[in-house]
Amino acid sequence: MKVSRFNEEQIFGILTKQQAGLSVAEICRHHGISGATFYTWLSRFRGMEVSDARHLKALDEENGKLKQLLAEAMHDVATLREALGKNF
């Protein structure tokens, strides 16, 4: 997963500038982001607070670790089945 240059506080700061009345084009130009990035952040973080976003990020990381563990376990099972042969 690509690492963002902006943390949650910065993203929420950028999004609140739009709520304060600045135009999206001006905000994007000032922060060096594209309009697509801005609207992606807006759709993802709309109605959330910084603590909610941190909790979501922690859950995503935990989910990734669990998926990795499951993949490793499935690989181990497949290897054991192959080693035991077709009579398993």
N, C-alpha and C. Protein backbone atom coordinates (compact mmCIF):
# COMPACT_ATOMS: atom_id res chain seq x y z
N MET A 1 0.84 -1.17 0.00
CA MET A 1 0.00 0.00 0.00
C MET A 1 0.90 1.24 0.00
N LYS A 2 0.54 2.22 -0.81
CA LYS A 2 1.33 3.43 -0.94
C LYS A 2 1.19 4.28 0.32
N VAL A 3 2.30 4.82 0.76
CA VAL A 3 2.31 5.66 1.95
C VAL A 3 1.97 7.10 1.54
N SER A 4 1.04 7.70 2.24
CA SER A 4 0.61 9.05 1.93
C SER A 4 1.58 10.08 2.50
N ARG A 5 1.71 11.22 1.83
CA ARG A 5 2.53 12.30 2.37
C ARG A 5 1.81 13.04 3.47
N PHE A 6 0.51 12.86 3.53
CA PHE A 6 -0.30 13.59 4.49
C PHE A 6 -0.82 12.63 5.56
N ASN A 7 -0.80 13.09 6.81
CA ASN A 7 -1.40 12.28 7.88
C ASN A 7 -2.86 12.70 8.04
N GLU A 8 -3.54 12.05 8.97
CA GLU A 8 -4.98 12.29 9.12
C GLU A 8 -5.28 13.74 9.49
N GLU A 9 -4.48 14.32 10.39
CA GLU A 9 -4.73 15.70 10.80
C GLU A 9 -4.62 16.66 9.63
N GLN A 10 -3.62 16.44 8.78
CA GLN A 10 -3.44 17.31 7.63
C GLN A 10 -4.59 17.16 6.64
N ILE A 11 -5.03 15.92 6.42
CA ILE A 11 -6.13 15.69 5.49
C ILE A 11 -7.39 16.38 6.00
N PHE A 12 -7.68 16.23 7.29
CA PHE A 12 -8.87 16.88 7.84
C PHE A 12 -8.74 18.39 7.80
N GLY A 13 -7.53 18.91 7.97
CA GLY A 13 -7.32 20.35 7.85
C GLY A 13 -7.61 20.84 6.44
N ILE A 14 -7.18 20.07 5.45
CA ILE A 14 -7.43 20.43 4.06
C ILE A 14 -8.93 20.38 3.75
N LEU A 15 -9.59 19.35 4.24
CA LEU A 15 -11.03 19.22 3.98
C LEU A 15 -11.85 20.31 4.66
N THR A 16 -11.41 20.75 5.84
CA THR A 16 -12.15 21.81 6.53
C THR A 16 -11.98 23.16 5.84
N LYS A 17 -10.88 23.34 5.11
CA LYS A 17 -10.71 24.58 4.36
C LYS A 17 -11.78 24.71 3.29
N GLN A 18 -12.17 23.58 2.70
CA GLN A 18 -13.22 23.61 1.70
C GLN A 18 -14.55 23.95 2.34
N GLN A 19 -14.78 23.46 3.55
CA GLN A 19 -16.02 23.78 4.26
C GLN A 19 -16.05 25.25 4.67
N ALA A 20 -14.87 25.85 4.84
CA ALA A 20 -14.79 27.25 5.23
C ALA A 20 -15.07 28.19 4.06
N GLY A 21 -15.10 27.65 2.84
CA GLY A 21 -15.48 28.48 1.71
C GLY A 21 -14.44 28.62 0.62
N LEU A 22 -13.26 28.07 0.78
CA LEU A 22 -12.26 28.15 -0.28
C LEU A 22 -12.63 27.21 -1.42
N SER A 23 -12.21 27.55 -2.62
CA SER A 23 -12.52 26.70 -3.77
C SER A 23 -11.60 25.47 -3.76
N VAL A 24 -12.10 24.40 -4.35
CA VAL A 24 -11.34 23.15 -4.39
C VAL A 24 -10.07 23.33 -5.21
N ALA A 25 -10.16 24.05 -6.31
CA ALA A 25 -8.99 24.27 -7.16
C ALA A 25 -7.89 25.02 -6.40
N GLU A 26 -8.28 26.00 -5.63
CA GLU A 26 -7.31 26.79 -4.86
C GLU A 26 -6.65 25.92 -3.78
N ILE A 27 -7.44 25.13 -3.11
CA ILE A 27 -6.90 24.25 -2.06
C ILE A 27 -5.93 23.25 -2.66
N CYS A 28 -6.32 22.64 -3.78
CA CYS A 28 -5.46 21.64 -4.43
C CYS A 28 -4.15 22.26 -4.90
N ARG A 29 -4.21 23.43 -5.46
CA ARG A 29 -3.01 24.10 -5.94
C ARG A 29 -2.09 24.45 -4.77
N HIS A 30 -2.67 24.91 -3.67
CA HIS A 30 -1.87 25.30 -2.50
C HIS A 30 -1.16 24.10 -1.87
N HIS A 31 -1.82 22.95 -1.82
CA HIS A 31 -1.25 21.78 -1.15
C HIS A 31 -0.59 20.79 -2.11
N GLY A 32 -0.67 21.04 -3.39
CA GLY A 32 0.00 20.19 -4.37
C GLY A 32 -0.67 18.83 -4.54
N ILE A 33 -1.99 18.80 -4.51
CA ILE A 33 -2.73 17.56 -4.72
C ILE A 33 -3.66 17.74 -5.90
N SER A 34 -4.12 16.63 -6.44
CA SER A 34 -5.06 16.72 -7.56
C SER A 34 -6.48 16.82 -7.04
N GLY A 35 -7.36 17.24 -7.91
CA GLY A 35 -8.77 17.31 -7.55
C GLY A 35 -9.33 15.93 -7.24
N ALA A 36 -8.85 14.91 -7.96
CA ALA A 36 -9.31 13.54 -7.71
C ALA A 36 -8.93 13.08 -6.31
N THR A 37 -7.72 13.44 -5.88
CA THR A 37 -7.29 13.09 -4.53
C THR A 37 -8.16 13.77 -3.49
N PHE A 38 -8.45 15.04 -3.72
CA PHE A 38 -9.29 15.78 -2.78
C PHE A 38 -10.66 15.12 -2.65
N TYR A 39 -11.29 14.79 -3.78
CA TYR A 39 -12.62 14.21 -3.73
C TYR A 39 -12.60 12.77 -3.20
N THR A 40 -11.49 12.06 -3.39
CA THR A 40 -11.35 10.73 -2.80
C THR A 40 -11.30 10.85 -1.28
N TRP A 41 -10.50 11.80 -0.79
CA TRP A 41 -10.43 12.03 0.66
C TRP A 41 -11.80 12.45 1.18
N LEU A 42 -12.49 13.30 0.45
CA LEU A 42 -13.79 13.79 0.88
C LEU A 42 -14.80 12.64 1.00
N SER A 43 -14.79 11.74 0.03
CA SER A 43 -15.73 10.62 0.09
C SER A 43 -15.35 9.63 1.18
N ARG A 44 -14.07 9.50 1.44
CA ARG A 44 -13.63 8.53 2.45
C ARG A 44 -13.80 9.06 3.88
N PHE A 45 -13.51 10.32 4.09
CA PHE A 45 -13.48 10.87 5.45
C PHE A 45 -14.67 11.76 5.79
N ARG A 46 -15.66 11.83 4.92
CA ARG A 46 -16.83 12.67 5.19
C ARG A 46 -17.56 12.16 6.43
N GLY A 47 -17.83 13.05 7.36
CA GLY A 47 -18.56 12.68 8.57
C GLY A 47 -17.70 12.05 9.65
N MET A 48 -16.41 11.97 9.43
CA MET A 48 -15.52 11.36 10.41
C MET A 48 -14.72 12.44 11.14
N GLU A 49 -14.15 12.03 12.25
CA GLU A 49 -13.21 12.88 12.96
C GLU A 49 -11.85 12.20 12.92
N VAL A 50 -10.83 12.88 13.40
CA VAL A 50 -9.47 12.36 13.34
C VAL A 50 -9.36 11.04 14.09
N SER A 51 -9.99 10.94 15.25
CA SER A 51 -9.90 9.71 16.03
C SER A 51 -10.56 8.54 15.30
N ASP A 52 -11.66 8.82 14.59
CA ASP A 52 -12.31 7.77 13.79
C ASP A 52 -11.40 7.29 12.67
N ALA A 53 -10.71 8.22 12.02
CA ALA A 53 -9.81 7.86 10.94
C ALA A 53 -8.63 7.03 11.45
N ARG A 54 -8.11 7.39 12.61
CA ARG A 54 -7.02 6.60 13.19
C ARG A 54 -7.49 5.19 13.52
N HIS A 55 -8.70 5.08 14.06
CA HIS A 55 -9.25 3.77 14.39
C HIS A 55 -9.43 2.94 13.12
N LEU A 56 -9.92 3.56 12.06
CA LEU A 56 -10.09 2.87 10.78
C LEU A 56 -8.75 2.39 10.24
N LYS A 57 -7.73 3.22 10.34
CA LYS A 57 -6.40 2.85 9.86
C LYS A 57 -5.85 1.67 10.67
N ALA A 58 -6.04 1.69 11.99
CA ALA A 58 -5.58 0.59 12.83
C ALA A 58 -6.30 -0.71 12.47
N LEU A 59 -7.60 -0.62 12.22
CA LEU A 59 -8.35 -1.81 11.82
C LEU A 59 -7.88 -2.35 10.47
N ASP A 60 -7.57 -1.45 9.53
CA ASP A 60 -7.07 -1.88 8.23
C ASP A 60 -5.73 -2.60 8.37
N GLU A 61 -4.85 -2.07 9.23
CA GLU A 61 -3.55 -2.72 9.44
C GLU A 61 -3.72 -4.09 10.08
N GLU A 62 -4.61 -4.19 11.07
CA GLU A 62 -4.86 -5.47 11.72
C GLU A 62 -5.45 -6.47 10.73
N ASN A 63 -6.36 -6.02 9.88
CA ASN A 63 -6.96 -6.87 8.87
C ASN A 63 -5.90 -7.39 7.90
N GLY A 64 -4.96 -6.54 7.52
CA GLY A 64 -3.89 -6.96 6.63
C GLY A 64 -3.00 -8.02 7.25
N LYS A 65 -2.70 -7.86 8.54
CA LYS A 65 -1.89 -8.86 9.25
C LYS A 65 -2.61 -10.19 9.33
N LEU A 66 -3.92 -10.14 9.61
CA LEU A 66 -4.70 -11.38 9.70
C LEU A 66 -4.80 -12.07 8.34
N LYS A 67 -4.94 -11.32 7.28
CA LYS A 67 -4.96 -11.91 5.94
C LYS A 67 -3.63 -12.57 5.62
N GLN A 68 -2.54 -11.96 6.04
CA GLN A 68 -1.21 -12.53 5.81
C GLN A 68 -1.06 -13.84 6.57
N LEU A 69 -1.51 -13.87 7.82
CA LEU A 69 -1.44 -15.10 8.61
C LEU A 69 -2.28 -16.21 7.99
N LEU A 70 -3.46 -15.87 7.50
CA LEU A 70 -4.31 -16.86 6.85
C LEU A 70 -3.66 -17.41 5.59
N ALA A 71 -3.07 -16.54 4.80
CA ALA A 71 -2.40 -16.99 3.58
C ALA A 71 -1.24 -17.92 3.90
N GLU A 72 -0.47 -17.59 4.93
CA GLU A 72 0.64 -18.47 5.32
C GLU A 72 0.13 -19.81 5.81
N ALA A 73 -0.95 -19.83 6.57
CA ALA A 73 -1.51 -21.09 7.07
C ALA A 73 -2.04 -21.94 5.91
N MET A 74 -2.70 -21.30 4.96
CA MET A 74 -3.20 -22.05 3.81
C MET A 74 -2.06 -22.61 2.98
N HIS A 75 -0.97 -21.88 2.87
CA HIS A 75 0.21 -22.36 2.14
C HIS A 75 0.81 -23.56 2.87
N ASP A 76 0.88 -23.50 4.20
CA ASP A 76 1.41 -24.63 4.97
C ASP A 76 0.55 -25.88 4.79
N VAL A 77 -0.77 -25.71 4.79
CA VAL A 77 -1.67 -26.84 4.61
C VAL A 77 -1.49 -27.44 3.22
N ALA A 78 -1.39 -26.60 2.21
CA ALA A 78 -1.20 -27.08 0.85
C ALA A 78 0.13 -27.82 0.72
N THR A 79 1.17 -27.33 1.36
CA THR A 79 2.47 -27.99 1.32
C THR A 79 2.41 -29.35 2.00
N LEU A 80 1.75 -29.43 3.14
CA LEU A 80 1.62 -30.70 3.84
C LEU A 80 0.81 -31.71 3.03
N ARG A 81 -0.26 -31.26 2.40
CA ARG A 81 -1.05 -32.17 1.57
C ARG A 81 -0.24 -32.69 0.40
N GLU A 82 0.55 -31.83 -0.18
CA GLU A 82 1.39 -32.24 -1.30
C GLU A 82 2.45 -33.24 -0.85
N ALA A 83 3.01 -33.01 0.33
CA ALA A 83 4.05 -33.89 0.84
C ALA A 83 3.49 -35.28 1.23
N LEU A 84 2.27 -35.32 1.72
CA LEU A 84 1.67 -36.58 2.12
C LEU A 84 1.16 -37.39 0.92
N GLY A 85 0.96 -36.76 -0.17
CA GLY A 85 0.50 -37.46 -1.35
C GLY A 85 -1.00 -37.43 -1.50
N LYS A 86 -1.48 -38.17 -2.47
CA LYS A 86 -2.90 -38.14 -2.79
C LYS A 86 -3.73 -39.02 -1.88
N ASN A 87 -3.12 -39.83 -1.04
CA ASN A 87 -3.87 -40.70 -0.14
C ASN A 87 -4.37 -39.99 1.09
N PHE A 88 -4.19 -38.74 1.18
CA PHE A 88 -4.61 -37.96 2.34
C PHE A 88 -6.08 -37.90 2.36
